[in-house]
Amino acid sequence: MAASKRALVMGNPLALAHAVIGDAWTQLILREAFHGVRRFTDWSTNLRIPRTVLSGRLNRLVEAGIMEVKVPPGAKRGEYRLTEMGIDLYGVALMQGMWERDHAPSVLQRRYALSFHDARTGKPIVPAVLDRPGGKPIDPRDVGIVEGPGLIERSAPAHRRWSGGRAPAERPMIERSVDIIGDHWSWSILACAFLRIRRFDDMLEATGMAPNILSDRLTRLVGSGILARIPYQTSPVRHEYRLTEAGLELYPMVLAMHGWSERWLCDFDDPPLKLVHLSTGERITPAVCDLLTGQPIRARTTRWRLEAPGTERPRPQPAA
């Protein structure tokens, strides 16, 4: 029996991931962690985040297994450090940063070019989502879904709407994108769009959100250029919401998040929903890899640099 629209949208691996890390504050906290932040006071200073919110998000990340608290030798207070599960999110952050660079650039991103290289060899790295480690790029037109027995209807987590917040110094990744895709409901709508659920009433059924919340998020996504509002009926006038080019180019991030969720939040051999190649029927297990070598990108050995025409190349910075 085919799963309901609600189960497809709210029970797939992507939805499971965004229930844990989908809100804007969590994305920014993880961004700072990839830049080496480990102390509560540093997150508080860098993000100007309310202390109660920061404490709650950090506790959730620890409970999820994405962070752990360790007390360094001789220290009185513990530090929050990324676990292997958390470090594996670096690939998702890369894909989000690359989408942001192309479709929602900050002042820093417009001024400089962001590039990556291997710290051990100095060779360039080109992040891309492949159908498996060592595999090939994924053609969206060749992706199908296979429902698993764990694909069930789930309730949305309680997330408040993002009200904005900024670090004093800009980062080269994950800066403006959180204004656009920094809440669970926006991602639920995008999941609908990628599953070709495009009409208002169908989205209500699939997500279970209140009509006023759906209307608000649709307006924001249209205003951000991710969705286009297109009439499909004239009397009375009714519209559907389709992904624009910018919206379609979120797909690598969607795939990266799906792959991370399969590895850490699901039974990998039997996830709620599998991706397969329509042409061959072979399973797709998305992984963020170096397009030049096909090898998975390792946060510990990846370095980034900012480059501007006519300026001296800055020193490489650690990715994590």
Protein backbone atom coordinates (compact mmCIF):
# COMPACT_ATOMS: atom_id res chain seq x y z
CA MET A 1 0.00 0.00 0.00
CA ALA A 2 1.40 3.39 -0.99
CA ALA A 3 2.27 5.75 1.84
CA SER A 4 0.17 8.83 2.45
CA LYS A 5 1.34 12.28 1.42
CA ARG A 6 1.91 13.09 5.10
CA ALA A 7 4.19 10.07 5.54
CA LEU A 8 6.14 10.84 2.35
CA VAL A 9 6.83 14.43 3.40
CA MET A 10 7.12 14.16 7.19
CA GLY A 11 8.57 10.66 7.55
CA ASN A 12 11.38 10.54 4.99
CA PRO A 13 15.07 10.69 6.00
CA LEU A 14 15.33 14.39 5.11
CA ALA A 15 12.47 15.25 7.46
CA LEU A 16 14.07 13.21 10.24
CA ALA A 17 17.29 15.17 9.81
CA HIS A 18 15.61 18.56 9.82
CA ALA A 19 13.72 17.70 12.97
CA VAL A 20 17.15 17.65 14.63
CA ILE A 21 19.19 20.33 12.83
CA GLY A 22 16.76 22.20 10.60
CA ASP A 23 16.30 25.46 12.50
CA ALA A 24 18.42 28.53 11.87
CA TRP A 25 20.08 28.79 15.28
CA THR A 26 21.23 25.17 15.10
CA GLN A 27 22.67 25.72 11.62
CA LEU A 28 24.61 28.73 12.86
CA ILE A 29 25.83 26.90 15.98
CA LEU A 30 27.13 24.07 13.79
CA ARG A 31 28.75 26.58 11.44
CA GLU A 32 30.68 28.07 14.35
CA ALA A 33 31.64 24.58 15.51
CA PHE A 34 33.18 23.93 12.09
CA HIS A 35 35.23 27.08 12.63
CA GLY A 36 36.59 25.67 15.90
CA VAL A 37 34.21 27.20 18.45
CA ARG A 38 33.81 24.95 21.49
CA ARG A 39 32.89 27.20 24.39
CA PHE A 40 29.47 28.46 25.38
CA THR A 41 30.69 32.03 25.81
CA ASP A 42 32.22 32.10 22.32
CA TRP A 43 28.95 31.02 20.69
CA SER A 44 27.10 33.61 22.76
CA THR A 45 29.50 36.37 21.68
CA ASN A 46 29.79 35.36 18.03
CA LEU A 47 26.08 34.83 17.38
CA ARG A 48 24.51 37.23 19.90
CA ILE A 49 22.13 34.40 20.67
CA PRO A 50 20.00 34.43 23.84
CA ARG A 51 21.66 32.25 26.45
CA THR A 52 18.54 30.16 27.07
CA VAL A 53 18.20 29.47 23.34
CA LEU A 54 21.88 28.56 23.04
CA SER A 55 21.69 26.25 26.04
CA GLY A 56 18.62 24.52 24.64
CA ARG A 57 20.13 24.01 21.17
CA LEU A 58 23.42 22.70 22.55
CA ASN A 59 21.59 20.28 24.83
CA ARG A 60 19.57 19.00 21.88
CA LEU A 61 22.72 18.49 19.83
CA VAL A 62 24.30 16.53 22.69
CA GLU A 63 21.16 14.41 23.13
CA ALA A 64 21.14 13.68 19.39
CA GLY A 65 24.76 12.53 19.49
CA ILE A 66 26.02 15.34 17.26
CA MET A 67 28.05 16.95 20.06
CA GLU A 68 29.59 15.78 23.29
CA VAL A 69 30.83 17.63 26.35
CA LYS A 70 34.48 17.13 27.29
CA VAL A 71 36.51 18.78 30.05
CA PRO A 72 40.09 19.51 28.86
CA PRO A 73 42.91 18.63 31.29
CA GLY A 74 43.26 21.35 33.92
CA ALA A 75 40.04 23.12 32.86
CA LYS A 76 37.11 23.78 35.16
CA ARG A 77 34.44 23.88 32.47
CA GLY A 78 33.54 21.52 29.69
CA GLU A 79 33.70 22.18 25.98
CA TYR A 80 31.22 21.16 23.30
CA ARG A 81 32.93 19.12 20.61
CA LEU A 82 31.58 17.59 17.45
CA THR A 83 31.30 13.82 17.43
CA GLU A 84 31.92 11.76 14.28
CA MET A 85 28.21 12.15 13.60
CA GLY A 86 28.54 15.92 13.85
CA ILE A 87 31.72 16.10 11.78
CA ASP A 88 29.93 14.16 9.04
CA LEU A 89 27.57 17.15 8.67
CA TYR A 90 30.43 19.17 7.19
CA GLY A 91 29.53 17.96 3.70
CA VAL A 92 25.98 19.26 4.14
CA ALA A 93 27.38 22.62 5.26
CA LEU A 94 29.58 22.72 2.14
CA MET A 95 26.61 22.20 -0.16
CA GLN A 96 24.58 24.83 1.70
CA GLY A 97 27.46 27.29 1.43
CA MET A 98 27.87 26.67 -2.29
CA TRP A 99 24.15 27.22 -2.90
CA GLU A 100 24.30 30.39 -0.83
CA ARG A 101 27.30 31.64 -2.81
CA ASP A 102 25.32 31.34 -6.05
CA HIS A 103 21.85 32.42 -4.93
CA ALA A 104 22.04 34.37 -1.65
CA PRO A 105 25.58 35.73 -1.34
CA SER A 106 26.68 37.81 1.60
CA VAL A 107 28.93 40.84 1.15
CA LEU A 108 31.93 38.63 1.88
CA GLN A 109 30.85 36.05 -0.70
CA ARG A 110 30.36 38.72 -3.37
CA ARG A 111 33.81 40.14 -2.68
CA TYR A 112 35.86 36.94 -2.55
CA ALA A 113 35.93 33.52 -4.18
CA LEU A 114 35.80 30.55 -1.82
CA SER A 115 37.92 27.52 -2.73
CA PHE A 116 38.92 24.30 -1.00
CA HIS A 117 42.05 22.15 -0.98
CA ASP A 118 43.53 19.10 0.74
CA ALA A 119 45.80 20.08 3.63
CA ARG A 120 48.07 17.07 3.07
CA THR A 121 48.62 17.39 -0.68
CA GLY A 122 47.65 20.98 -1.46
CA LYS A 123 45.48 19.70 -4.31
CA PRO A 124 42.17 21.48 -5.02
CA ILE A 125 38.89 19.96 -3.88
CA VAL A 126 35.61 20.43 -5.76
CA PRO A 127 32.65 19.45 -3.50
CA ALA A 128 29.88 17.48 -5.21
CA VAL A 129 27.22 14.96 -4.23
CA LEU A 130 27.82 11.53 -5.79
CA ASP A 131 25.50 8.54 -5.83
CA ARG A 132 27.92 6.71 -3.51
CA PRO A 133 31.52 7.19 -2.36
CA GLY A 134 33.65 6.80 -5.46
CA GLY A 135 30.54 6.96 -7.62
CA LYS A 136 29.17 9.41 -10.14
CA PRO A 137 27.19 12.69 -10.05
CA ILE A 138 23.45 12.34 -9.61
CA ASP A 139 21.11 13.32 -12.43
CA PRO A 140 17.87 14.55 -10.78
CA ARG A 141 15.89 13.22 -13.74
CA ASP A 142 17.20 9.72 -12.98
CA VAL A 143 16.16 9.61 -9.31
CA GLY A 144 13.23 7.55 -8.09
CA ILE A 145 12.01 6.64 -4.60
CA VAL A 146 11.25 3.29 -2.98
CA GLU A 147 9.12 3.35 0.16
CA GLY A 148 10.24 1.36 3.20
CA PRO A 149 8.18 -0.12 6.05
CA GLY A 150 9.34 2.66 8.38
CA LEU A 151 7.76 5.41 6.28
CA ILE A 152 5.01 6.56 8.64
CA GLU A 153 3.23 9.80 9.45
CA ARG A 154 5.15 11.91 11.96
CA SER A 155 4.42 15.15 13.77
CA ALA A 156 6.54 18.23 13.15
CA PRO A 157 8.92 19.38 15.91
CA ALA A 158 8.08 22.55 17.78
CA HIS A 159 10.16 25.31 16.16
CA ARG A 160 9.58 29.00 16.42
CA ARG A 161 9.94 31.20 13.39
CA TRP A 162 13.46 32.52 12.87
CA SER A 163 13.68 36.15 14.01
CA GLY A 164 17.22 36.87 12.83
CA GLY A 165 20.66 37.01 14.37
CA ARG A 166 24.14 37.72 13.12
CA ALA A 167 27.72 37.16 14.10
CA PRO A 168 29.81 40.36 14.32
CA ALA A 169 32.18 39.00 11.64
CA GLU A 170 30.87 37.37 8.50
CA ARG A 171 31.68 33.78 7.68
CA PRO A 172 32.32 32.50 4.15
CA MET A 173 29.57 29.87 4.47
CA ILE A 174 26.06 29.73 5.95
CA GLU A 175 25.33 33.40 6.44
CA ARG A 176 22.25 34.57 4.53
CA SER A 177 20.79 31.17 3.66
CA VAL A 178 19.43 30.71 7.17
CA ASP A 179 17.06 33.63 6.53
CA ILE A 180 15.55 31.61 3.68
CA ILE A 181 15.77 27.95 4.68
CA GLY A 182 16.24 28.27 8.41
CA ASP A 183 13.06 26.68 9.70
CA HIS A 184 11.40 23.28 9.59
CA TRP A 185 8.21 24.41 7.83
CA SER A 186 10.11 25.93 4.91
CA TRP A 187 11.91 22.63 4.44
CA SER A 188 8.61 20.75 4.62
CA ILE A 189 7.32 22.88 1.74
CA LEU A 190 10.50 22.25 -0.24
CA ALA A 191 10.07 18.51 0.37
CA CYS A 192 6.57 18.85 -1.11
CA ALA A 193 7.96 20.68 -4.13
CA PHE A 194 10.64 18.05 -4.79
CA LEU A 195 7.95 15.36 -4.50
CA ARG A 196 5.80 17.30 -7.01
CA ILE A 197 3.20 18.27 -4.41
CA ARG A 198 2.56 21.79 -5.65
CA ARG A 199 -0.94 22.96 -4.69
CA PHE A 200 -1.94 24.69 -1.48
CA ASP A 201 -4.53 22.17 -0.31
CA ASP A 202 -2.24 19.24 -1.12
CA MET A 203 0.57 20.86 0.88
CA LEU A 204 -1.79 21.34 3.83
CA GLU A 205 -2.63 17.65 3.71
CA ALA A 206 1.01 16.60 3.35
CA THR A 207 2.48 18.78 6.11
CA GLY A 208 -0.32 19.28 8.60
CA MET A 209 0.64 22.92 9.12
CA ALA A 210 -1.94 25.63 9.74
CA PRO A 211 -3.14 27.51 6.62
CA ASN A 212 -1.75 30.85 7.81
CA ILE A 213 1.69 29.33 8.43
CA LEU A 214 1.70 27.67 5.01
CA SER A 215 0.65 30.93 3.35
CA ASP A 216 3.39 32.84 5.18
CA ARG A 217 6.14 30.37 4.26
CA LEU A 218 5.02 30.18 0.63
CA THR A 219 5.12 33.97 0.41
CA ARG A 220 8.64 34.01 1.82
CA LEU A 221 9.89 31.27 -0.50
CA VAL A 222 8.38 33.01 -3.54
CA GLY A 223 9.87 36.32 -2.43
CA SER A 224 13.28 34.64 -2.05
CA GLY A 225 13.12 33.30 -5.59
CA ILE A 226 13.01 29.62 -4.62
CA LEU A 227 9.41 29.00 -5.66
CA ALA A 228 7.36 30.51 -8.48
CA ARG A 229 3.59 31.05 -8.12
CA ILE A 230 1.98 29.87 -11.35
CA PRO A 231 -1.78 29.86 -12.17
CA TYR A 232 -3.20 26.50 -13.18
CA GLN A 233 -6.89 27.51 -13.21
CA THR A 234 -8.58 30.72 -14.30
CA SER A 235 -12.11 30.53 -12.94
CA PRO A 236 -11.62 30.93 -10.06
CA VAL A 237 -7.93 31.70 -10.23
CA ARG A 238 -5.85 29.07 -8.46
CA HIS A 239 -2.10 28.71 -8.27
CA GLU A 240 0.52 26.06 -7.78
CA TYR A 241 4.06 26.51 -6.51
CA ARG A 242 6.96 25.24 -8.62
CA LEU A 243 10.68 25.25 -7.95
CA THR A 244 12.65 27.93 -9.77
CA GLU A 245 16.20 27.39 -10.97
CA ALA A 246 17.45 28.53 -7.57
CA GLY A 247 15.07 26.11 -5.90
CA LEU A 248 16.14 23.20 -8.07
CA GLU A 249 19.76 23.92 -7.23
CA LEU A 250 19.01 23.17 -3.58
CA TYR A 251 18.85 19.52 -4.67
CA PRO A 252 22.53 18.73 -3.87
CA MET A 253 21.96 19.95 -0.31
CA VAL A 254 18.78 17.87 -0.11
CA LEU A 255 20.70 14.81 -1.30
CA ALA A 256 23.57 15.45 1.12
CA MET A 257 21.15 15.71 4.04
CA HIS A 258 19.33 12.57 2.91
CA GLY A 259 22.61 10.65 2.85
CA TRP A 260 23.64 11.91 6.30
CA SER A 261 20.26 10.91 7.73
CA GLU A 262 20.51 7.42 6.23
CA ARG A 263 23.91 6.95 7.85
CA TRP A 264 23.06 8.26 11.31
CA LEU A 265 19.30 8.42 11.94
CA CYS A 266 17.95 5.42 10.04
CA ASP A 267 18.51 1.73 9.58
CA PHE A 268 20.91 2.13 6.65
CA ASP A 269 19.89 -1.16 5.06
CA ASP A 270 16.19 -0.45 5.39
CA PRO A 271 15.53 3.32 5.66
CA PRO A 272 11.99 4.75 5.50
CA LEU A 273 12.63 5.85 1.92
CA LYS A 274 15.39 4.85 -0.51
CA LEU A 275 16.62 6.71 -3.56
CA VAL A 276 17.28 4.67 -6.69
CA HIS A 277 18.43 5.24 -10.26
CA LEU A 278 15.37 5.03 -12.50
CA SER A 279 17.58 3.80 -15.35
CA THR A 280 19.10 0.86 -13.49
CA GLY A 281 17.17 0.38 -10.25
CA GLU A 282 20.43 0.62 -8.30
CA ARG A 283 20.29 2.28 -4.92
CA ILE A 284 21.63 5.82 -4.46
CA THR A 285 23.41 6.49 -1.15
CA PRO A 286 24.36 10.17 -1.49
CA ALA A 287 27.79 11.22 -0.29
CA VAL A 288 29.59 14.58 -0.48
CA CYS A 289 32.83 13.86 -2.33
CA ASP A 290 35.62 15.56 -4.21
CA LEU A 291 34.48 15.60 -7.82
CA LEU A 292 38.11 15.35 -8.96
CA THR A 293 38.88 12.12 -7.08
CA GLY A 294 35.49 10.67 -6.14
CA GLN A 295 36.65 10.34 -2.54
CA PRO A 296 34.51 11.49 0.43
CA ILE A 297 35.45 14.93 1.71
CA ARG A 298 37.07 14.76 5.12
CA ALA A 299 36.47 17.74 7.36
CA ARG A 300 39.69 17.23 9.29
CA THR A 301 41.90 17.51 6.19
CA THR A 302 39.89 20.03 4.17
CA ARG A 303 41.01 23.65 4.17
CA TRP A 304 39.42 26.71 2.64
CA ARG A 305 40.73 30.03 1.39
CA LEU A 306 39.19 33.28 0.21
CA GLU A 307 40.65 34.80 -2.94
CA ALA A 308 40.12 38.22 -4.51
CA PRO A 309 41.55 39.44 -7.84
CA GLY A 310 44.77 41.40 -7.34
CA THR A 311 45.16 40.59 -3.65
CA GLU A 312 47.60 38.40 -1.81
CA ARG A 313 46.22 34.93 -1.11
CA PRO A 314 45.15 34.64 2.55
CA ARG A 315 46.51 31.84 4.69
CA PRO A 316 44.42 28.64 4.51
CA GLN A 317 41.97 28.18 7.35
CA PRO A 318 40.89 24.92 9.03
CA ALA A 319 37.50 23.59 7.99
CA ALA A 320 36.85 21.82 11.26
